[in-house]
Amino acid sequence: MKKQTLYASRLKPLFILMALIVLAPVLFHSPYYLTVLVLIGIYSIITLGLSLLMGYAGQISLGHAAFFGIGAYTSGILTVKYGVAPLAAMLAGILLTGLIAFAVGIPTLKLKEHFLALATIGFNIIVYIVILGMYDLTGGASGLTGIPKFSVFGFDIRGEWNYYFLVWGIVLLLASFCINLVQSHIGRVLRGIHDSEIATLTQGIDVLKYKLQIFVLSAVFASAAGSLYAHFMNFLAPGTFYVLASIQLLIMVVVGGAQPIWGAILGAFVMTVLAEGVRHYVPMVMDVGGEIEIITYGLLLVLVMMFMPKGLLPMIGAIQERFRRRKLPEGGGPHGQRTVGS
């Protein structure tokens, strides 16, 4: 009975997310709102992978915009230059990204804390320079245009409505996968690595292997999101995948909460909506440049670190637990009886 209750509690957020996915386009049915919701879904795919890497394995990456860009440009180049089907191009991007992440992860994951972060920043800068330099393929600073709409077995996914359900359907599948992963033996190992690599090593566990696997998996998530982004926007600009984008993705995870994985989706929602709000409404009040978004991100990150160091979702859970305890009758039990140990 307890196992069934625990399993139901784990699935409850998934059912809530499914309900919100169905209701959101009904409540916000304009093309602009649907576009924002699609972008939230795309960023959620990346932040789910980052949640596994940061929240559970304890590894900080400031280079995931590079994997995002590799997936996007691989899919875009193959479809525009070589006429490859979008789904096949997406799979090719995932494969290429996985191989690159594996090659990059072997040396960098031996580093710790800020050294690892600096190494991933360097990788992101290299990818950005390569995108700018390979003008014939990527379009350089001018960007890559003419990317076709996404299609599955010859069926074109056209319009914001259809793309919305495609993207959020993928988010649901990946979220379900992540839930099972973190509750498995692998999830327990990752939490052990997060708490203490040395203690995990003493158990005879190959820590580097698990860190590398979760790094590659998170990179694959970012690559898939990049392909979806490319075929949704139909245009790619190098600036979208610069280091600043990696920092923004990291902030999404930190703001929402690195654990549990639902915090990654909440963070993507909050930061994307905030960015859109700042972009549209702040210029109405004051004459400012594009830097206002960076200032807003930085201010929000400072506030979260000061008052909600674990993120929004854990804070919401703590508030709910506090109210639940207040509603219990005096004595701690559901009917006033004293609990064990009281």
Protein backbone atom coordinates (compact mmCIF):
# COMPACT_ATOMS: atom_id res chain seq x y z
CA MET A 1 0.00 0.00 0.00
CA LYS A 2 2.83 2.38 0.91
CA LYS A 3 4.58 1.59 -2.39
CA GLN A 4 1.41 2.40 -4.33
CA THR A 5 1.01 5.69 -2.44
CA LEU A 6 4.65 6.61 -3.08
CA TYR A 7 4.34 5.74 -6.77
CA ALA A 8 1.17 7.84 -7.06
CA SER A 9 2.90 10.81 -5.38
CA ARG A 10 5.72 10.60 -7.90
CA LEU A 11 3.31 10.55 -10.85
CA LYS A 12 1.11 13.35 -9.52
CA PRO A 13 3.33 16.16 -10.91
CA LEU A 14 3.34 14.39 -14.29
CA PHE A 15 -0.47 14.35 -14.39
CA ILE A 16 -0.56 18.01 -13.36
CA LEU A 17 1.86 18.85 -16.18
CA MET A 18 -0.30 16.92 -18.67
CA ALA A 19 -3.36 18.89 -17.59
CA LEU A 20 -1.50 22.19 -17.92
CA ILE A 21 -0.25 21.22 -21.39
CA VAL A 22 -3.83 20.59 -22.54
CA LEU A 23 -5.25 23.74 -20.94
CA ALA A 24 -2.51 26.24 -21.83
CA PRO A 25 -3.24 26.58 -25.58
CA VAL A 26 -6.95 26.94 -24.82
CA LEU A 27 -6.31 29.82 -22.42
CA PHE A 28 -3.49 31.38 -24.46
CA HIS A 29 -4.40 30.66 -28.07
CA SER A 30 -2.82 33.63 -29.85
CA PRO A 31 0.19 32.86 -32.09
CA TYR A 32 2.47 34.97 -29.89
CA TYR A 33 1.59 33.13 -26.65
CA LEU A 34 1.83 29.76 -28.39
CA THR A 35 5.29 30.70 -29.68
CA VAL A 36 6.40 31.56 -26.15
CA LEU A 37 4.98 28.26 -24.85
CA VAL A 38 6.85 26.35 -27.57
CA LEU A 39 10.10 28.08 -26.59
CA ILE A 40 9.46 27.22 -22.93
CA GLY A 41 9.07 23.59 -23.97
CA ILE A 42 12.31 23.65 -25.96
CA TYR A 43 14.23 25.19 -23.06
CA SER A 44 12.61 22.68 -20.70
CA ILE A 45 14.17 19.83 -22.68
CA ILE A 46 17.62 21.35 -22.11
CA THR A 47 17.03 22.14 -18.45
CA LEU A 48 15.81 18.58 -17.79
CA GLY A 49 19.21 17.34 -18.91
CA LEU A 50 20.95 20.03 -16.86
CA SER A 51 18.88 19.03 -13.82
CA LEU A 52 20.22 15.48 -14.10
CA LEU A 53 23.77 16.75 -14.55
CA MET A 54 23.76 19.47 -11.89
CA GLY A 55 21.03 18.56 -9.44
CA TYR A 56 21.77 14.84 -9.22
CA ALA A 57 25.38 14.36 -10.40
CA GLY A 58 26.61 17.68 -9.01
CA GLN A 59 28.49 18.70 -12.18
CA ILE A 60 28.30 22.32 -13.33
CA SER A 61 28.24 22.98 -17.07
CA LEU A 62 28.37 26.42 -18.65
CA GLY A 63 28.65 25.07 -22.18
CA HIS A 64 25.30 23.49 -22.95
CA ALA A 65 24.42 26.24 -25.41
CA ALA A 66 27.18 24.70 -27.54
CA PHE A 67 25.39 21.33 -27.63
CA PHE A 68 22.16 23.22 -28.30
CA GLY A 69 23.88 24.88 -31.25
CA ILE A 70 25.47 21.68 -32.58
CA GLY A 71 22.06 20.01 -32.73
CA ALA A 72 20.45 23.07 -34.31
CA TYR A 73 23.11 23.66 -36.98
CA THR A 74 23.50 19.97 -37.83
CA SER A 75 19.78 19.68 -38.41
CA GLY A 76 19.64 22.98 -40.28
CA ILE A 77 22.65 22.29 -42.52
CA LEU A 78 21.58 18.76 -43.44
CA THR A 79 18.05 19.85 -44.38
CA VAL A 80 19.01 23.07 -46.19
CA LYS A 81 22.25 22.07 -47.93
CA TYR A 82 21.71 18.35 -48.50
CA GLY A 83 17.94 17.85 -48.51
CA VAL A 84 17.92 15.36 -45.61
CA ALA A 85 14.56 14.75 -43.93
CA PRO A 86 14.20 16.78 -40.68
CA LEU A 87 13.71 13.71 -38.47
CA ALA A 88 16.82 12.03 -39.90
CA ALA A 89 18.75 15.29 -39.54
CA MET A 90 17.66 15.53 -35.91
CA LEU A 91 18.90 12.00 -35.22
CA ALA A 92 22.19 12.79 -36.95
CA GLY A 93 22.56 15.87 -34.76
CA ILE A 94 21.91 13.80 -31.64
CA LEU A 95 24.52 11.23 -32.71
CA LEU A 96 27.14 13.89 -33.52
CA THR A 97 26.46 15.75 -30.27
CA GLY A 98 26.73 12.55 -28.26
CA LEU A 99 30.11 11.74 -29.81
CA ILE A 100 31.43 15.27 -29.23
CA ALA A 101 30.14 15.29 -25.64
CA PHE A 102 31.84 11.95 -25.03
CA ALA A 103 35.14 13.27 -26.39
CA VAL A 104 34.87 16.53 -24.44
CA GLY A 105 33.64 14.87 -21.25
CA ILE A 106 36.56 12.44 -20.82
CA PRO A 107 39.13 15.16 -19.98
CA THR A 108 36.84 17.88 -18.58
CA LEU A 109 34.90 15.75 -16.11
CA LYS A 110 38.14 14.98 -14.29
CA LEU A 111 38.08 18.63 -13.23
CA LYS A 112 36.17 19.88 -10.20
CA GLU A 113 33.85 22.81 -9.47
CA HIS A 114 34.87 26.12 -11.10
CA PHE A 115 37.61 24.44 -13.16
CA LEU A 116 34.93 22.30 -14.81
CA ALA A 117 32.76 25.37 -15.40
CA LEU A 118 35.68 27.23 -17.02
CA ALA A 119 36.48 24.24 -19.25
CA THR A 120 32.87 24.05 -20.51
CA ILE A 121 32.88 27.81 -21.13
CA GLY A 122 35.98 27.36 -23.27
CA PHE A 123 34.29 24.59 -25.25
CA ASN A 124 31.26 26.83 -25.82
CA ILE A 125 33.48 29.63 -27.14
CA ILE A 126 35.24 27.20 -29.51
CA VAL A 127 31.92 26.00 -30.94
CA TYR A 128 30.76 29.60 -31.36
CA ILE A 129 33.94 30.51 -33.26
CA VAL A 130 33.58 27.44 -35.48
CA ILE A 131 30.00 28.40 -36.31
CA LEU A 132 31.17 31.90 -37.28
CA GLY A 133 34.13 30.60 -39.27
CA MET A 134 32.38 27.90 -41.33
CA TYR A 135 30.59 30.51 -43.41
CA ASP A 136 29.83 28.26 -46.39
CA LEU A 137 27.90 25.81 -44.21
CA THR A 138 26.55 27.90 -41.34
CA GLY A 139 26.13 31.28 -42.99
CA GLY A 140 28.56 32.80 -40.49
CA ALA A 141 27.43 35.93 -38.71
CA SER A 142 24.55 36.33 -41.18
CA GLY A 143 22.94 33.13 -39.93
CA LEU A 144 21.40 30.11 -41.62
CA THR A 145 18.10 30.67 -43.41
CA GLY A 146 15.53 28.55 -45.24
CA ILE A 147 15.32 25.76 -42.68
CA PRO A 148 12.15 23.75 -43.41
CA LYS A 149 9.41 22.91 -40.96
CA PHE A 150 9.78 19.75 -38.94
CA SER A 151 8.19 16.67 -40.45
CA VAL A 152 7.60 13.13 -39.23
CA PHE A 153 7.36 10.41 -41.89
CA GLY A 154 6.36 12.96 -44.52
CA PHE A 155 3.80 14.76 -42.33
CA ASP A 156 4.74 18.42 -41.90
CA ILE A 157 4.30 19.93 -38.45
CA ARG A 158 2.98 23.35 -39.40
CA GLY A 159 1.57 26.08 -37.21
CA GLU A 160 2.23 26.95 -33.59
CA TRP A 161 -0.60 24.72 -32.33
CA ASN A 162 0.78 21.50 -33.85
CA TYR A 163 4.36 22.34 -32.92
CA TYR A 164 3.28 23.09 -29.37
CA PHE A 165 1.92 19.59 -28.87
CA LEU A 166 4.95 18.03 -30.58
CA VAL A 167 7.42 19.82 -28.30
CA TRP A 168 5.48 19.32 -25.09
CA GLY A 169 4.81 15.69 -25.97
CA ILE A 170 8.59 15.23 -26.11
CA VAL A 171 8.93 17.08 -22.79
CA LEU A 172 6.46 14.66 -21.19
CA LEU A 173 8.33 11.63 -22.52
CA LEU A 174 11.69 12.95 -21.34
CA ALA A 175 10.28 13.95 -17.94
CA SER A 176 8.89 10.42 -17.49
CA PHE A 177 12.28 9.00 -18.46
CA CYS A 178 14.04 11.28 -15.97
CA ILE A 179 11.66 10.27 -13.16
CA ASN A 180 12.44 6.60 -13.72
CA LEU A 181 16.15 7.32 -14.03
CA VAL A 182 16.51 9.24 -10.76
CA GLN A 183 14.53 6.57 -8.89
CA SER A 184 16.69 3.77 -10.28
CA HIS A 185 20.08 2.46 -9.18
CA ILE A 186 21.70 5.00 -11.50
CA GLY A 187 19.87 7.82 -9.73
CA ARG A 188 21.11 6.62 -6.36
CA VAL A 189 24.67 6.51 -7.68
CA LEU A 190 24.33 10.03 -9.08
CA ARG A 191 23.09 11.34 -5.73
CA GLY A 192 26.05 9.63 -4.10
CA ILE A 193 28.42 11.39 -6.51
CA HIS A 194 26.68 14.67 -5.76
CA ASP A 195 27.12 14.24 -2.00
CA SER A 196 30.66 12.84 -2.03
CA GLU A 197 32.69 11.50 -4.92
CA ILE A 198 35.27 10.03 -2.56
CA ALA A 199 32.67 8.10 -0.56
CA THR A 200 31.14 6.81 -3.80
CA LEU A 201 34.56 5.69 -5.04
CA THR A 202 35.10 3.69 -1.86
CA GLN A 203 32.04 1.63 -2.78
CA GLY A 204 33.83 0.38 -5.89
CA ILE A 205 31.79 2.55 -8.26
CA ASP A 206 33.36 3.96 -11.42
CA VAL A 207 32.46 7.60 -10.77
CA LEU A 208 33.92 8.96 -14.02
CA LYS A 209 31.85 6.50 -16.05
CA TYR A 210 28.58 7.65 -14.50
CA LYS A 211 29.54 11.32 -14.75
CA LEU A 212 30.41 10.86 -18.41
CA GLN A 213 27.19 9.02 -19.17
CA ILE A 214 24.99 11.67 -17.59
CA PHE A 215 27.03 14.43 -19.29
CA VAL A 216 26.47 12.82 -22.70
CA LEU A 217 22.77 12.29 -21.93
CA SER A 218 22.28 15.94 -20.98
CA ALA A 219 24.11 17.00 -24.15
CA VAL A 220 21.80 14.77 -26.23
CA PHE A 221 18.79 16.48 -24.63
CA ALA A 222 20.23 19.85 -25.63
CA SER A 223 20.89 18.64 -29.18
CA ALA A 224 17.30 17.44 -29.62
CA ALA A 225 16.07 20.80 -28.35
CA GLY A 226 18.37 22.53 -30.84
CA SER A 227 16.90 20.60 -33.77
CA LEU A 228 13.37 21.44 -32.64
CA TYR A 229 14.37 25.09 -32.29
CA ALA A 230 15.91 25.20 -35.77
CA HIS A 231 12.83 23.80 -37.50
CA PHE A 232 10.49 25.99 -35.46
CA MET A 233 12.30 29.29 -36.03
CA ASN A 234 13.43 28.39 -39.60
CA PHE A 235 16.48 30.58 -39.00
CA LEU A 236 19.63 30.28 -36.89
CA ALA A 237 21.91 33.06 -35.65
CA PRO A 238 25.25 32.32 -33.93
CA GLY A 239 24.51 34.65 -31.03
CA THR A 240 21.72 32.33 -29.88
CA PHE A 241 24.35 29.77 -28.87
CA TYR A 242 26.96 31.98 -27.23
CA VAL A 243 28.15 31.57 -23.61
CA LEU A 244 25.46 33.98 -22.40
CA ALA A 245 22.84 31.44 -23.49
CA SER A 246 24.57 28.76 -21.39
CA ILE A 247 24.45 31.08 -18.39
CA GLN A 248 20.75 31.72 -18.97
CA LEU A 249 20.08 27.97 -19.09
CA LEU A 250 22.02 27.52 -15.87
CA ILE A 251 20.00 30.30 -14.23
CA MET A 252 16.77 28.57 -15.30
CA VAL A 253 17.79 25.44 -13.42
CA VAL A 254 18.98 27.37 -10.35
CA VAL A 255 15.84 29.51 -10.17
CA GLY A 256 13.43 26.60 -10.60
CA GLY A 257 15.45 24.21 -8.43
CA ALA A 258 17.94 21.59 -9.57
CA GLN A 259 16.04 18.93 -7.60
CA PRO A 260 13.49 17.55 -8.28
CA ILE A 261 13.44 17.58 -12.08
CA TRP A 262 10.18 19.55 -12.15
CA GLY A 263 12.16 22.56 -10.99
CA ALA A 264 13.90 22.60 -14.37
CA ILE A 265 10.58 23.05 -16.18
CA LEU A 266 9.40 25.67 -13.68
CA GLY A 267 12.67 27.57 -14.10
CA ALA A 268 12.38 27.51 -17.90
CA PHE A 269 8.83 28.87 -17.62
CA VAL A 270 9.68 31.63 -15.13
CA MET A 271 12.80 32.86 -16.92
CA THR A 272 11.27 32.78 -20.42
CA VAL A 273 8.14 34.63 -19.31
CA LEU A 274 10.29 37.12 -17.38
CA ALA A 275 12.51 37.71 -20.42
CA GLU A 276 9.48 38.32 -22.64
CA GLY A 277 7.96 40.65 -20.06
CA VAL A 278 11.17 42.65 -19.68
CA ARG A 279 11.63 42.83 -23.46
CA HIS A 280 8.12 44.13 -24.09
CA TYR A 281 7.15 46.21 -21.06
CA VAL A 282 10.32 47.78 -19.67
CA PRO A 283 10.93 49.93 -22.81
CA MET A 284 7.46 51.40 -22.26
CA VAL A 285 8.58 52.74 -18.89
CA MET A 286 12.21 53.69 -19.55
CA ASP A 287 14.57 53.99 -22.48
CA VAL A 288 16.99 51.09 -22.04
CA GLY A 289 19.02 48.82 -24.27
CA GLY A 290 19.07 45.03 -24.60
CA GLU A 291 21.37 44.79 -21.55
CA ILE A 292 18.35 45.16 -19.26
CA GLU A 293 17.66 41.43 -19.70
CA ILE A 294 21.15 40.54 -18.46
CA ILE A 295 20.73 42.88 -15.49
CA THR A 296 17.36 41.28 -14.69
CA TYR A 297 18.82 37.76 -14.85
CA GLY A 298 21.67 38.76 -12.57
CA LEU A 299 19.38 40.47 -10.06
CA LEU A 300 17.00 37.51 -9.96
CA LEU A 301 19.88 35.06 -9.50
CA VAL A 302 21.23 37.09 -6.56
CA LEU A 303 17.78 37.20 -4.93
CA VAL A 304 17.25 33.48 -5.41
CA MET A 305 20.66 32.67 -3.94
CA MET A 306 19.94 34.89 -0.94
CA PHE A 307 16.37 33.89 -0.11
CA MET A 308 15.74 30.61 -1.99
CA PRO A 309 19.11 28.85 -2.34
CA LYS A 310 17.45 25.59 -3.42
CA GLY A 311 15.15 27.28 -5.95
CA LEU A 312 11.47 28.05 -6.31
CA LEU A 313 10.07 24.52 -6.35
CA PRO A 314 11.74 23.34 -3.11
CA MET A 315 10.59 26.56 -1.45
CA ILE A 316 7.00 25.95 -2.59
CA GLY A 317 7.23 22.39 -1.26
CA ALA A 318 8.53 23.67 2.09
CA ILE A 319 5.65 26.14 2.37
CA GLN A 320 3.11 23.43 1.57
CA GLU A 321 4.66 21.15 4.21
CA ARG A 322 4.52 23.94 6.79
CA PHE A 323 0.80 24.53 6.14
CA ARG A 324 0.12 20.81 6.23
CA ARG A 325 1.74 20.52 9.64
CA ARG A 326 -0.24 23.48 10.94
CA LYS A 327 -3.51 21.82 9.92
CA LEU A 328 -2.70 18.63 11.86
CA PRO A 329 -4.41 18.42 15.28
CA GLU A 330 -2.23 18.94 18.33
CA GLY A 331 -0.24 15.78 19.03
CA GLY A 332 0.93 15.28 15.44
CA GLY A 333 -1.35 12.39 14.34
CA PRO A 334 -4.27 12.66 11.91
CA HIS A 335 -6.80 12.18 14.75
CA GLY A 336 -4.89 13.79 17.56
CA GLN A 337 -2.97 10.68 18.62
CA ARG A 338 0.68 11.11 19.43
CA THR A 339 3.10 9.94 16.79
CA VAL A 340 5.97 7.54 17.35
CA GLY A 341 8.91 9.30 18.96
CA SER A 342 6.85 12.27 20.15
